[in-house]
Amino acid sequence: MTKLPILVICALLLLSLCVLPGCGNTTSESQIITSANGLTQIEIPSDWNIMSDLNEDYDIQTGNDEESAYAMVLSELKAAFDYDFTYKDYTESVTDMLMSNLENPVITSGPEDLEINGHPAVQYEISGSVYGIQVVYLYTIIDGSYNFHQVLTFTSLSQYEQNLPVMRTITNSFKEITS
């Protein structure tokens, strides 16, 4: 007779812990951001903002300053490169460029071959410092129909584990618009 109330109390206690504010730190609300050129879109959490001061070359710039988490998308026309320039060549070129802009760059994982919404992709995790701040990038290059795409998500090293799930979700939400 005493086992049932104890089980009920434990279940209620466990349930109350999971409905406390911030439990799991997830939200089902999101927003879809489309680049100004209409070529790409990503889905971001509703508490993220569209930005314009991260890197003016990127088609999409977004982030959450409170969580020190950011995402950017850049598309480059394949026709602007030599006809035999593959997305693997492109990947090597842009990854080298990113690493040259970091202090003490380290590839901590990758290259990992992926598929993002039906397109071949390569992903790296790269860490280093920018102006003395340690950062980690989840860097994904996607072989689109007519464009090479870069999805660059990043955060501070201290918040990487916390922000990695949303960085992966944003990267995996990437869509090339070909209409």
Foldseek 3Di string as FASTA:
>chain_A
DVVVVVVVVVVVVVVVVCPPPCRVPDDPAWDKDAFPVRFKIWIAHPQKDWDCPPDVQFRTWIGHVVLQKIKTKHKDFPVVDPPPCDLVNVVVVVVVVVQVQFAPKDFPDDQDWDAAPNWIKGWTWMWGDHPRFTKIWTWMWTDDPGIIMIMIMMGGPVNCVVCVVSSVRRVSRMDTDDD
